Amino acid sequence: MGHGRWESTGRAMYNTTSVEATRAAHYTEVFRETNIVDELDPKKINIRESRDSKENPESNAIILALDVTGSMGDIAHQIAKDGLGKIIENILEQKPVSDPHILFSAVGDVKCDSAPLQASQFEADHRIIEQLNQIYVEEGGGGNRTESYDLPWYFAANMTSIDCFEKRNKKGYLFTFGDEEPPSGVTKAQVKHFMGRDAQGSYTAKDLLEAAQEKYHVFHIIIEEGWFAQNHSGVATKWKKFMGNRALPLDNYCHLPELVLAAMHVSEGTDVNEVIATAQSEEVRKTLRNAFGV
């Protein structure tokens, strides 16, 4: 997938159907689904493809995976309504990488939820927004101190095929966003039940992270304003221990779009201080300095 281009169709569709057009609406008017839809259900997905095309000859795959569990509360809805739309717009218009193809994923808890992972197609135009509006915001999760941030890693490693890596040996990008601690792994039975795949055994979170890192630059952005991170100390420290400088604490979720774009620019080789200096306000620059530890 990934045909079409944002320049020709995306901006007009964004202005009429996206989060900007629904900013004043209550989230239930936007996210109406009461269960996972077939189009986003991993059990009904064989493979998600990011392919070069005439419109996008040098495609680059990007996965954005948002924690939609209860601990994220209204922040998850605001990010889904406002932040993800702006991230999508920024990436497709500013192009930190050429010909971006974006897949959206929603993350829950594999131990507690009915839909711990949802995944759209890789798209390059207004269809990204259309699929974003199909997500089921389950608001579940449990009391086990983490959510299944490792399911997008499994999905990326085993259920995506991306030309940027396969043709050009250039890794895609995978961002997870959430407020809880690093994940604890996935069992063979959970893979079968929720992903529809047979596994030889259970996976640790480290196994899945390393598998995803083979073809993606993997980041986790810690939403420090989420309920769990606010009420439990050490979340960012544990993520830093687990992922090093690819774990980025975010002190103001309204600046999530700027942090995602900054992380991509830095990963592509731009000096972090130069990236921060170009931010639109001192408030954003402060958030970026905190995230990158500079």
C-alpha atoms as a PDB file:
ATOM      1  CA  MET A   1       0.000   0.000   0.000  1.00  0.00           C
ATOM      2  CA  GLY A   2       0.999   3.634   0.139  1.00  0.00           C
ATOM      3  CA  HIS A   3      -0.265   4.960  -3.181  1.00  0.00           C
ATOM      4  CA  GLY A   4      -1.333   8.570  -3.642  1.00  0.00           C
ATOM      5  CA  ARG A   5       0.336  11.701  -2.348  1.00  0.00           C
ATOM      6  CA  TRP A   6      -0.617  14.134   0.435  1.00  0.00           C
ATOM      7  CA  GLU A   7       0.078  17.203  -1.707  1.00  0.00           C
ATOM      8  CA  SER A   8      -2.673  16.454  -4.198  1.00  0.00           C
ATOM      9  CA  THR A   9      -5.462  15.254  -1.908  1.00  0.00           C
ATOM     10  CA  GLY A  10      -4.394  15.210   1.691  1.00  0.00           C
ATOM     11  CA  ARG A  11      -4.545  18.797   2.847  1.00  0.00           C
ATOM     12  CA  ALA A  12      -8.086  19.387   1.611  1.00  0.00           C
ATOM     13  CA  MET A  13      -9.281  16.135   3.173  1.00  0.00           C
ATOM     14  CA  TYR A  14      -7.420  16.949   6.376  1.00  0.00           C
ATOM     15  CA  ASN A  15      -9.172  20.270   6.654  1.00  0.00           C
ATOM     16  CA  THR A  16     -12.634  18.752   6.162  1.00  0.00           C
ATOM     17  CA  THR A  17     -12.534  15.359   7.874  1.00  0.00           C
ATOM     18  CA  SER A  18      -9.566  15.258  10.191  1.00  0.00           C
ATOM     19  CA  VAL A  19      -9.049  16.183  13.791  1.00  0.00           C
ATOM     20  CA  GLU A  20      -8.874  19.895  13.033  1.00  0.00           C
ATOM     21  CA  ALA A  21     -12.432  19.808  11.727  1.00  0.00           C
ATOM     22  CA  THR A  22     -13.620  17.904  14.799  1.00  0.00           C
ATOM     23  CA  ARG A  23     -11.605  19.675  17.483  1.00  0.00           C
ATOM     24  CA  ALA A  24     -14.724  21.070  19.141  1.00  0.00           C
ATOM     25  CA  ALA A  25     -16.527  17.718  19.111  1.00  0.00           C
ATOM     26  CA  HIS A  26     -16.512  15.323  22.025  1.00  0.00           C
ATOM     27  CA  TYR A  27     -14.297  12.341  21.288  1.00  0.00           C
ATOM     28  CA  THR A  28     -17.246   9.926  21.187  1.00  0.00           C
ATOM     29  CA  GLU A  29     -18.490  11.782  18.118  1.00  0.00           C
ATOM     30  CA  VAL A  30     -15.206  10.989  16.397  1.00  0.00           C
ATOM     31  CA  PHE A  31     -14.340   7.505  17.659  1.00  0.00           C
ATOM     32  CA  ARG A  32     -17.693   5.755  17.410  1.00  0.00           C
ATOM     33  CA  GLU A  33     -16.493   2.143  17.160  1.00  0.00           C
ATOM     34  CA  THR A  34     -17.543  -0.086  20.041  1.00  0.00           C
ATOM     35  CA  ASN A  35     -15.292  -2.979  19.017  1.00  0.00           C
ATOM     36  CA  ILE A  36     -12.289  -3.574  16.821  1.00  0.00           C
ATOM     37  CA  VAL A  37     -13.132  -3.304  13.108  1.00  0.00           C
ATOM     38  CA  ASP A  38     -12.037  -6.062  10.733  1.00  0.00           C
ATOM     39  CA  GLU A  39      -9.803  -3.732   8.741  1.00  0.00           C
ATOM     40  CA  LEU A  40      -7.624  -3.052  11.803  1.00  0.00           C
ATOM     41  CA  ASP A  41      -7.708  -6.528  13.400  1.00  0.00           C
ATOM     42  CA  PRO A  42      -4.268  -8.253  13.295  1.00  0.00           C
ATOM     43  CA  LYS A  43      -5.938 -11.679  13.186  1.00  0.00           C
ATOM     44  CA  LYS A  44      -7.400 -10.696   9.817  1.00  0.00           C
ATOM     45  CA  ILE A  45      -4.216  -9.157   8.439  1.00  0.00           C
ATOM     46  CA  ASN A  46      -1.723 -11.211   6.467  1.00  0.00           C
ATOM     47  CA  ILE A  47       0.896  -8.529   5.869  1.00  0.00           C
ATOM     48  CA  ARG A  48       1.064  -4.747   5.756  1.00  0.00           C
ATOM     49  CA  GLU A  49       3.142  -3.481   2.852  1.00  0.00           C
ATOM     50  CA  SER A  50       4.935  -0.212   2.185  1.00  0.00           C
ATOM     51  CA  ARG A  51       5.799  -0.303  -1.501  1.00  0.00           C
ATOM     52  CA  ASP A  52       7.487   2.079  -3.897  1.00  0.00           C
ATOM     53  CA  SER A  53       5.190   3.463  -6.575  1.00  0.00           C
ATOM     54  CA  LYS A  54       5.149   6.044  -9.328  1.00  0.00           C
ATOM     55  CA  GLU A  55       3.825   8.622  -6.844  1.00  0.00           C
ATOM     56  CA  ASN A  56       6.246   7.539  -4.087  1.00  0.00           C
ATOM     57  CA  PRO A  57       9.377   6.108  -5.723  1.00  0.00           C
ATOM     58  CA  GLU A  58      11.495   6.081  -2.533  1.00  0.00           C
ATOM     59  CA  SER A  59       9.003   5.130   0.160  1.00  0.00           C
ATOM     60  CA  ASN A  60       9.819   5.148   3.867  1.00  0.00           C
ATOM     61  CA  ALA A  61       7.672   3.226   6.351  1.00  0.00           C
ATOM     62  CA  ILE A  62       6.561   4.892   9.606  1.00  0.00           C
ATOM     63  CA  ILE A  63       4.473   3.266  12.368  1.00  0.00           C
ATOM     64  CA  LEU A  64       2.786   5.406  15.052  1.00  0.00           C
ATOM     65  CA  ALA A  65       1.437   3.325  17.973  1.00  0.00           C
ATOM     66  CA  LEU A  66      -0.642   5.020  20.690  1.00  0.00           C
ATOM     67  CA  ASP A  67      -1.572   3.601  24.093  1.00  0.00           C
ATOM     68  CA  VAL A  68      -5.389   3.919  24.266  1.00  0.00           C
ATOM     69  CA  THR A  69      -5.859   2.355  27.713  1.00  0.00           C
ATOM     70  CA  GLY A  70      -7.565   3.867  30.735  1.00  0.00           C
ATOM     71  CA  SER A  71      -4.449   5.254  32.409  1.00  0.00           C
ATOM     72  CA  MET A  72      -3.941   7.591  29.474  1.00  0.00           C
ATOM     73  CA  GLY A  73      -7.479   8.907  29.978  1.00  0.00           C
ATOM     74  CA  ASP A  74      -8.451  12.029  28.067  1.00  0.00           C
ATOM     75  CA  ILE A  75      -4.848  12.489  26.958  1.00  0.00           C
ATOM     76  CA  ALA A  76      -5.163   9.458  24.669  1.00  0.00           C
ATOM     77  CA  HIS A  77      -8.262  10.952  23.090  1.00  0.00           C
ATOM     78  CA  GLN A  78      -6.635  14.344  22.661  1.00  0.00           C
ATOM     79  CA  ILE A  79      -3.524  12.809  21.113  1.00  0.00           C
ATOM     80  CA  ALA A  80      -5.635  10.650  18.810  1.00  0.00           C
ATOM     81  CA  LYS A  81      -7.815  13.614  17.815  1.00  0.00           C
ATOM     82  CA  ASP A  82      -5.222  16.364  17.670  1.00  0.00           C
ATOM     83  CA  GLY A  83      -1.654  15.125  18.043  1.00  0.00           C
ATOM     84  CA  LEU A  84      -1.651  12.242  15.569  1.00  0.00           C
ATOM     85  CA  GLY A  85      -3.291  14.332  12.895  1.00  0.00           C
ATOM     86  CA  LYS A  86      -0.627  16.998  13.326  1.00  0.00           C
ATOM     87  CA  ILE A  87       2.156  14.380  13.344  1.00  0.00           C
ATOM     88  CA  ILE A  88       0.805  12.949  10.099  1.00  0.00           C
ATOM     89  CA  GLU A  89       0.526  16.401   8.541  1.00  0.00           C
ATOM     90  CA  ASN A  90       4.037  17.416   9.657  1.00  0.00           C
ATOM     91  CA  ILE A  91       5.661  14.226   8.361  1.00  0.00           C
ATOM     92  CA  LEU A  92       3.874  14.286   5.011  1.00  0.00           C
ATOM     93  CA  GLU A  93       4.496  17.991   4.443  1.00  0.00           C
ATOM     94  CA  GLN A  94       7.992  18.441   5.944  1.00  0.00           C
ATOM     95  CA  LYS A  95       9.339  15.030   4.893  1.00  0.00           C
ATOM     96  CA  PRO A  96      12.151  14.238   7.329  1.00  0.00           C
ATOM     97  CA  VAL A  97      12.409  11.170   5.076  1.00  0.00           C
ATOM     98  CA  SER A  98      11.408  10.858   1.437  1.00  0.00           C
ATOM     99  CA  ASP A  99       7.943   9.636   0.425  1.00  0.00           C
ATOM    100  CA  PRO A 100       6.652   8.754   3.915  1.00  0.00           C
ATOM    101  CA  HIS A 101       4.106   5.944   4.292  1.00  0.00           C
ATOM    102  CA  ILE A 102       2.321   6.027   7.664  1.00  0.00           C
ATOM    103  CA  LEU A 103       0.612   3.188   9.529  1.00  0.00           C
ATOM    104  CA  PHE A 104      -1.353   3.947  12.676  1.00  0.00           C
ATOM    105  CA  SER A 105      -1.612   1.427  15.528  1.00  0.00           C
ATOM    106  CA  ALA A 106      -3.601   1.467  18.784  1.00  0.00           C
ATOM    107  CA  VAL A 107      -2.159  -0.372  21.795  1.00  0.00           C
ATOM    108  CA  GLY A 108      -3.900  -1.953  24.771  1.00  0.00           C
ATOM    109  CA  ASP A 109      -3.082  -4.693  27.278  1.00  0.00           C
ATOM    110  CA  VAL A 110      -2.704  -8.243  25.992  1.00  0.00           C
ATOM    111  CA  LYS A 111      -3.566  -9.592  29.451  1.00  0.00           C
ATOM    112  CA  CYS A 112      -6.803  -7.658  29.926  1.00  0.00           C
ATOM    113  CA  ASP A 113      -8.196  -6.198  26.714  1.00  0.00           C
ATOM    114  CA  SER A 114     -10.248  -7.575  23.840  1.00  0.00           C
ATOM    115  CA  ALA A 115      -8.283  -5.533  21.284  1.00  0.00           C
ATOM    116  CA  PRO A 116      -4.702  -5.044  22.521  1.00  0.00           C
ATOM    117  CA  LEU A 117      -3.500  -4.112  19.030  1.00  0.00           C
ATOM    118  CA  GLN A 118      -5.078  -2.434  16.013  1.00  0.00           C
ATOM    119  CA  ALA A 119      -3.179  -1.620  12.818  1.00  0.00           C
ATOM    120  CA  SER A 120      -4.094   0.378   9.731  1.00  0.00           C
ATOM    121  CA  GLN A 121      -2.569   0.160   6.262  1.00  0.00           C
ATOM    122  CA  PHE A 122       0.567   2.067   5.264  1.00  0.00           C
ATOM    123  CA  GLU A 123      -0.806   5.111   3.459  1.00  0.00           C
ATOM    124  CA  ALA A 124       0.563   8.321   1.961  1.00  0.00           C
ATOM    125  CA  ASP A 125      -2.555  10.487   1.640  1.00  0.00           C
ATOM    126  CA  HIS A 126      -5.982  11.219   3.187  1.00  0.00           C
ATOM    127  CA  ARG A 127      -6.649   7.508   3.732  1.00  0.00           C
ATOM    128  CA  ILE A 128      -4.449   7.702   6.842  1.00  0.00           C
ATOM    129  CA  ILE A 129      -7.012  10.021   8.457  1.00  0.00           C
ATOM    130  CA  GLU A 130      -9.928   7.863   7.340  1.00  0.00           C
ATOM    131  CA  GLN A 131      -8.401   4.819   9.043  1.00  0.00           C
ATOM    132  CA  LEU A 132      -7.459   6.803  12.134  1.00  0.00           C
ATOM    133  CA  ASN A 133     -11.148   7.576  12.615  1.00  0.00           C
ATOM    134  CA  GLN A 134     -11.897   3.815  12.649  1.00  0.00           C
ATOM    135  CA  ILE A 135      -9.991   3.066  15.829  1.00  0.00           C
ATOM    136  CA  TYR A 136     -11.688   1.519  18.816  1.00  0.00           C
ATOM    137  CA  VAL A 137     -10.672   3.405  21.961  1.00  0.00           C
ATOM    138  CA  GLU A 138     -11.147   0.541  24.421  1.00  0.00           C
ATOM    139  CA  GLU A 139      -9.943   2.398  27.538  1.00  0.00           C
ATOM    140  CA  GLY A 140      -8.957  -0.889  29.141  1.00  0.00           C
ATOM    141  CA  GLY A 141      -5.632  -1.950  30.569  1.00  0.00           C
ATOM    142  CA  GLY A 142      -5.001  -3.564  33.915  1.00  0.00           C
ATOM    143  CA  GLY A 143      -3.082  -3.195  37.148  1.00  0.00           C
ATOM    144  CA  ASN A 144       0.116  -4.829  35.923  1.00  0.00           C
ATOM    145  CA  ARG A 145       2.128  -1.574  35.554  1.00  0.00           C
ATOM    146  CA  THR A 146       2.592  -1.873  31.778  1.00  0.00           C
ATOM    147  CA  GLU A 147       0.738  -2.077  28.498  1.00  0.00           C
ATOM    148  CA  SER A 148       1.555  -4.157  25.431  1.00  0.00           C
ATOM    149  CA  TYR A 149       3.986  -1.776  23.773  1.00  0.00           C
ATOM    150  CA  ASP A 150       5.788  -4.876  22.485  1.00  0.00           C
ATOM    151  CA  LEU A 151       2.866  -5.941  20.259  1.00  0.00           C
ATOM    152  CA  PRO A 152       3.672  -3.227  17.671  1.00  0.00           C
ATOM    153  CA  TRP A 153       7.253  -4.519  17.769  1.00  0.00           C
ATOM    154  CA  TYR A 154       6.035  -8.048  17.013  1.00  0.00           C
ATOM    155  CA  PHE A 155       3.768  -6.690  14.278  1.00  0.00           C
ATOM    156  CA  ALA A 156       6.537  -4.619  12.688  1.00  0.00           C
ATOM    157  CA  ALA A 157       9.008  -7.498  12.722  1.00  0.00           C
ATOM    158  CA  ASN A 158       6.671 -10.236  11.515  1.00  0.00           C
ATOM    159  CA  MET A 159       3.719  -8.664   9.736  1.00  0.00           C
ATOM    160  CA  THR A 160       5.167  -5.828   7.643  1.00  0.00           C
ATOM    161  CA  SER A 161       7.106  -5.815   4.392  1.00  0.00           C
ATOM    162  CA  ILE A 162       8.746  -2.485   3.548  1.00  0.00           C
ATOM    163  CA  ASP A 163      10.631  -1.499   0.411  1.00  0.00           C
ATOM    164  CA  CYS A 164      12.815   1.100   2.132  1.00  0.00           C
ATOM    165  CA  PHE A 165      14.542  -1.740   4.001  1.00  0.00           C
ATOM    166  CA  GLU A 166      14.210  -4.569   1.525  1.00  0.00           C
ATOM    167  CA  LYS A 167      15.334  -2.563  -1.519  1.00  0.00           C
ATOM    168  CA  ARG A 168      17.605   0.113  -0.023  1.00  0.00           C
ATOM    169  CA  ASN A 169      18.604  -1.249   3.391  1.00  0.00           C
ATOM    170  CA  LYS A 170      17.124   1.894   4.974  1.00  0.00           C
ATOM    171  CA  LYS A 171      15.234   1.323   8.188  1.00  0.00           C
ATOM    172  CA  GLY A 172      11.709   2.568   8.739  1.00  0.00           C
ATOM    173  CA  TYR A 173      10.508   4.286  11.935  1.00  0.00           C
ATOM    174  CA  LEU A 174       8.373   2.904  14.756  1.00  0.00           C
ATOM    175  CA  PHE A 175       7.139   5.138  17.594  1.00  0.00           C
ATOM    176  CA  THR A 176       5.150   3.927  20.584  1.00  0.00           C
ATOM    177  CA  PHE A 177       3.505   6.465  22.906  1.00  0.00           C
ATOM    178  CA  GLY A 178       2.363   5.678  26.447  1.00  0.00           C
ATOM    179  CA  ASP A 179       2.599   6.397  30.164  1.00  0.00           C
ATOM    180  CA  GLU A 180       3.401   3.008  31.709  1.00  0.00           C
ATOM    181  CA  GLU A 181       6.545   0.922  32.267  1.00  0.00           C
ATOM    182  CA  PRO A 182       8.384  -1.230  29.685  1.00  0.00           C
ATOM    183  CA  PRO A 183       6.429  -4.310  28.588  1.00  0.00           C
ATOM    184  CA  SER A 184       6.901  -7.832  29.905  1.00  0.00           C
ATOM    185  CA  GLY A 185       6.714  -9.956  26.759  1.00  0.00           C
ATOM    186  CA  VAL A 186       4.103 -12.012  24.929  1.00  0.00           C
ATOM    187  CA  THR A 187       3.234 -15.694  25.258  1.00  0.00           C
ATOM    188  CA  LYS A 188       2.788 -18.179  22.442  1.00  0.00           C
ATOM    189  CA  ALA A 189      -0.924 -18.400  23.245  1.00  0.00           C
ATOM    190  CA  GLN A 190      -1.342 -14.611  23.150  1.00  0.00           C
ATOM    191  CA  VAL A 191       0.357 -14.403  19.757  1.00  0.00           C
ATOM    192  CA  LYS A 192      -2.040 -17.022  18.410  1.00  0.00           C
ATOM    193  CA  HIS A 193      -5.142 -15.479  19.986  1.00  0.00           C
ATOM    194  CA  PHE A 194      -4.561 -11.828  19.150  1.00  0.00           C
ATOM    195  CA  MET A 195      -2.225 -11.901  16.148  1.00  0.00           C
ATOM    196  CA  GLY A 196      -3.461 -15.072  14.464  1.00  0.00           C
ATOM    197  CA  ARG A 197       0.079 -16.401  14.149  1.00  0.00           C
ATOM    198  CA  ASP A 198       1.762 -19.584  15.314  1.00  0.00           C
ATOM    199  CA  ALA A 199       4.866 -18.995  17.432  1.00  0.00           C
ATOM    200  CA  GLN A 200       7.515 -21.495  18.453  1.00  0.00           C
ATOM    201  CA  GLY A 201       7.446 -20.171  22.003  1.00  0.00           C
ATOM    202  CA  SER A 202       6.980 -17.096  24.147  1.00  0.00           C
ATOM    203  CA  TYR A 203       8.864 -13.845  23.535  1.00  0.00           C
ATOM    204  CA  THR A 204      10.504 -11.495  25.980  1.00  0.00           C
ATOM    205  CA  ALA A 205      10.115  -7.774  25.376  1.00  0.00           C
ATOM    206  CA  LYS A 206      13.830  -7.655  24.551  1.00  0.00           C
ATOM    207  CA  ASP A 207      13.337 -10.355  21.908  1.00  0.00           C
ATOM    208  CA  LEU A 208      10.599  -8.350  20.234  1.00  0.00           C
ATOM    209  CA  LEU A 209      12.413  -5.019  20.451  1.00  0.00           C
ATOM    210  CA  GLU A 210      15.528  -6.498  18.860  1.00  0.00           C
ATOM    211  CA  ALA A 211      13.458  -8.118  16.114  1.00  0.00           C
ATOM    212  CA  ALA A 212      11.741  -4.819  15.278  1.00  0.00           C
ATOM    213  CA  GLN A 213      15.062  -2.964  15.365  1.00  0.00           C
ATOM    214  CA  GLU A 214      16.356  -5.105  12.526  1.00  0.00           C
ATOM    215  CA  LYS A 215      14.316  -3.059  10.062  1.00  0.00           C
ATOM    216  CA  TYR A 216      12.987  -0.081  12.063  1.00  0.00           C
ATOM    217  CA  HIS A 217      14.403   2.742  14.168  1.00  0.00           C
ATOM    218  CA  VAL A 218      12.339   2.095  17.301  1.00  0.00           C
ATOM    219  CA  PHE A 219      11.471   4.876  19.770  1.00  0.00           C
ATOM    220  CA  HIS A 220       9.229   5.025  22.816  1.00  0.00           C
ATOM    221  CA  ILE A 221       7.872   8.391  23.939  1.00  0.00           C
ATOM    222  CA  ILE A 222       6.909   8.440  27.622  1.00  0.00           C
ATOM    223  CA  ILE A 223       3.769  10.518  28.176  1.00  0.00           C
ATOM    224  CA  GLU A 224       4.664  11.940  31.575  1.00  0.00           C
ATOM    225  CA  GLU A 225       1.257  13.598  32.037  1.00  0.00           C
ATOM    226  CA  GLY A 226      -0.506  10.240  31.831  1.00  0.00           C
ATOM    227  CA  TRP A 227      -2.060   8.968  35.068  1.00  0.00           C
ATOM    228  CA  PHE A 228       0.389   6.121  35.593  1.00  0.00           C
ATOM    229  CA  ALA A 229       3.550   8.145  35.015  1.00  0.00           C
ATOM    230  CA  GLN A 230       2.251  10.904  37.282  1.00  0.00           C
ATOM    231  CA  ASN A 231       1.492   8.487  40.119  1.00  0.00           C
ATOM    232  CA  HIS A 232       4.469   6.094  39.877  1.00  0.00           C
ATOM    233  CA  SER A 233       8.059   7.259  40.039  1.00  0.00           C
ATOM    234  CA  GLY A 234      10.801   5.848  37.861  1.00  0.00           C
ATOM    235  CA  VAL A 235       8.884   5.188  34.628  1.00  0.00           C
ATOM    236  CA  ALA A 236      11.309   7.170  32.472  1.00  0.00           C
ATOM    237  CA  THR A 237      14.318   5.673  34.277  1.00  0.00           C
ATOM    238  CA  LYS A 238      13.111   2.142  33.536  1.00  0.00           C
ATOM    239  CA  TRP A 239      12.546   2.972  29.892  1.00  0.00           C
ATOM    240  CA  LYS A 240      15.991   4.567  29.620  1.00  0.00           C
ATOM    241  CA  LYS A 241      17.526   1.429  31.098  1.00  0.00           C
ATOM    242  CA  PHE A 242      15.599  -0.697  28.625  1.00  0.00           C
ATOM    243  CA  MET A 243      16.007   1.387  25.439  1.00  0.00           C
ATOM    244  CA  GLY A 244      18.737   3.933  26.103  1.00  0.00           C
ATOM    245  CA  ASN A 245      18.429   7.239  24.210  1.00  0.00           C
ATOM    246  CA  ARG A 246      15.565   5.884  22.090  1.00  0.00           C
ATOM    247  CA  ALA A 247      13.304   6.362  25.131  1.00  0.00           C
ATOM    248  CA  LEU A 248      12.205  10.003  25.169  1.00  0.00           C
ATOM    249  CA  PRO A 249      10.305  11.560  28.119  1.00  0.00           C
ATOM    250  CA  LEU A 250       7.648  14.065  27.051  1.00  0.00           C
ATOM    251  CA  ASP A 251       6.637  16.638  29.659  1.00  0.00           C
ATOM    252  CA  ASN A 252       3.896  18.279  27.562  1.00  0.00           C
ATOM    253  CA  TYR A 253       1.828  16.006  25.339  1.00  0.00           C
ATOM    254  CA  CYS A 254       0.760  18.969  23.208  1.00  0.00           C
ATOM    255  CA  HIS A 255       4.315  18.983  21.849  1.00  0.00           C
ATOM    256  CA  LEU A 256       4.252  15.338  20.756  1.00  0.00           C
ATOM    257  CA  PRO A 257       4.231  16.233  17.022  1.00  0.00           C
ATOM    258  CA  GLU A 258       7.360  18.365  17.418  1.00  0.00           C
ATOM    259  CA  LEU A 259       9.162  15.620  19.364  1.00  0.00           C
ATOM    260  CA  VAL A 260       8.403  12.929  16.779  1.00  0.00           C
ATOM    261  CA  LEU A 261       9.647  15.131  13.962  1.00  0.00           C
ATOM    262  CA  ALA A 262      12.739  16.115  15.967  1.00  0.00           C
ATOM    263  CA  ALA A 263      13.580  12.480  16.732  1.00  0.00           C
ATOM    264  CA  MET A 264      13.399  11.639  13.040  1.00  0.00           C
ATOM    265  CA  HIS A 265      15.600  14.585  12.051  1.00  0.00           C
ATOM    266  CA  VAL A 266      18.197  13.608  14.666  1.00  0.00           C
ATOM    267  CA  SER A 267      18.102   9.986  13.569  1.00  0.00           C
ATOM    268  CA  GLU A 268      18.628  11.128   9.972  1.00  0.00           C
ATOM    269  CA  GLY A 269      21.824  12.892  11.014  1.00  0.00           C
ATOM    270  CA  THR A 270      20.932  16.462  11.967  1.00  0.00           C
ATOM    271  CA  ASP A 271      22.617  17.688  15.145  1.00  0.00           C
ATOM    272  CA  VAL A 272      20.207  17.641  18.072  1.00  0.00           C
ATOM    273  CA  ASN A 273      21.029  21.220  19.120  1.00  0.00           C
ATOM    274  CA  GLU A 274      20.376  22.435  15.588  1.00  0.00           C
ATOM    275  CA  VAL A 275      17.030  20.658  15.579  1.00  0.00           C
ATOM    276  CA  ILE A 276      16.062  22.178  18.922  1.00  0.00           C
ATOM    277  CA  ALA A 277      17.136  25.658  17.823  1.00  0.00           C
ATOM    278  CA  THR A 278      14.684  25.577  14.914  1.00  0.00           C
ATOM    279  CA  ALA A 279      11.664  24.864  17.145  1.00  0.00           C
ATOM    280  CA  GLN A 280       8.865  27.415  16.931  1.00  0.00           C
ATOM    281  CA  SER A 281       8.875  28.585  20.573  1.00  0.00           C
ATOM    282  CA  GLU A 282      10.918  28.501  23.752  1.00  0.00           C
ATOM    283  CA  GLU A 283       8.249  26.291  25.322  1.00  0.00           C
ATOM    284  CA  VAL A 284       8.758  23.665  22.622  1.00  0.00           C
ATOM    285  CA  ARG A 285      12.532  24.022  22.834  1.00  0.00           C
ATOM    286  CA  LYS A 286      12.352  23.377  26.583  1.00  0.00           C
ATOM    287  CA  THR A 287      10.328  20.193  25.992  1.00  0.00           C
ATOM    288  CA  LEU A 288      12.820  18.994  23.380  1.00  0.00           C
ATOM    289  CA  ARG A 289      15.806  19.703  25.615  1.00  0.00           C
ATOM    290  CA  ASN A 290      14.164  17.669  28.376  1.00  0.00           C
ATOM    291  CA  ALA A 291      13.399  14.804  26.006  1.00  0.00           C
ATOM    292  CA  PHE A 292      16.902  14.600  24.550  1.00  0.00           C
ATOM    293  CA  GLY A 293      18.680  15.379  27.810  1.00  0.00           C
ATOM    294  CA  VAL A 294      20.633  18.368  26.480  1.00  0.00           C
END
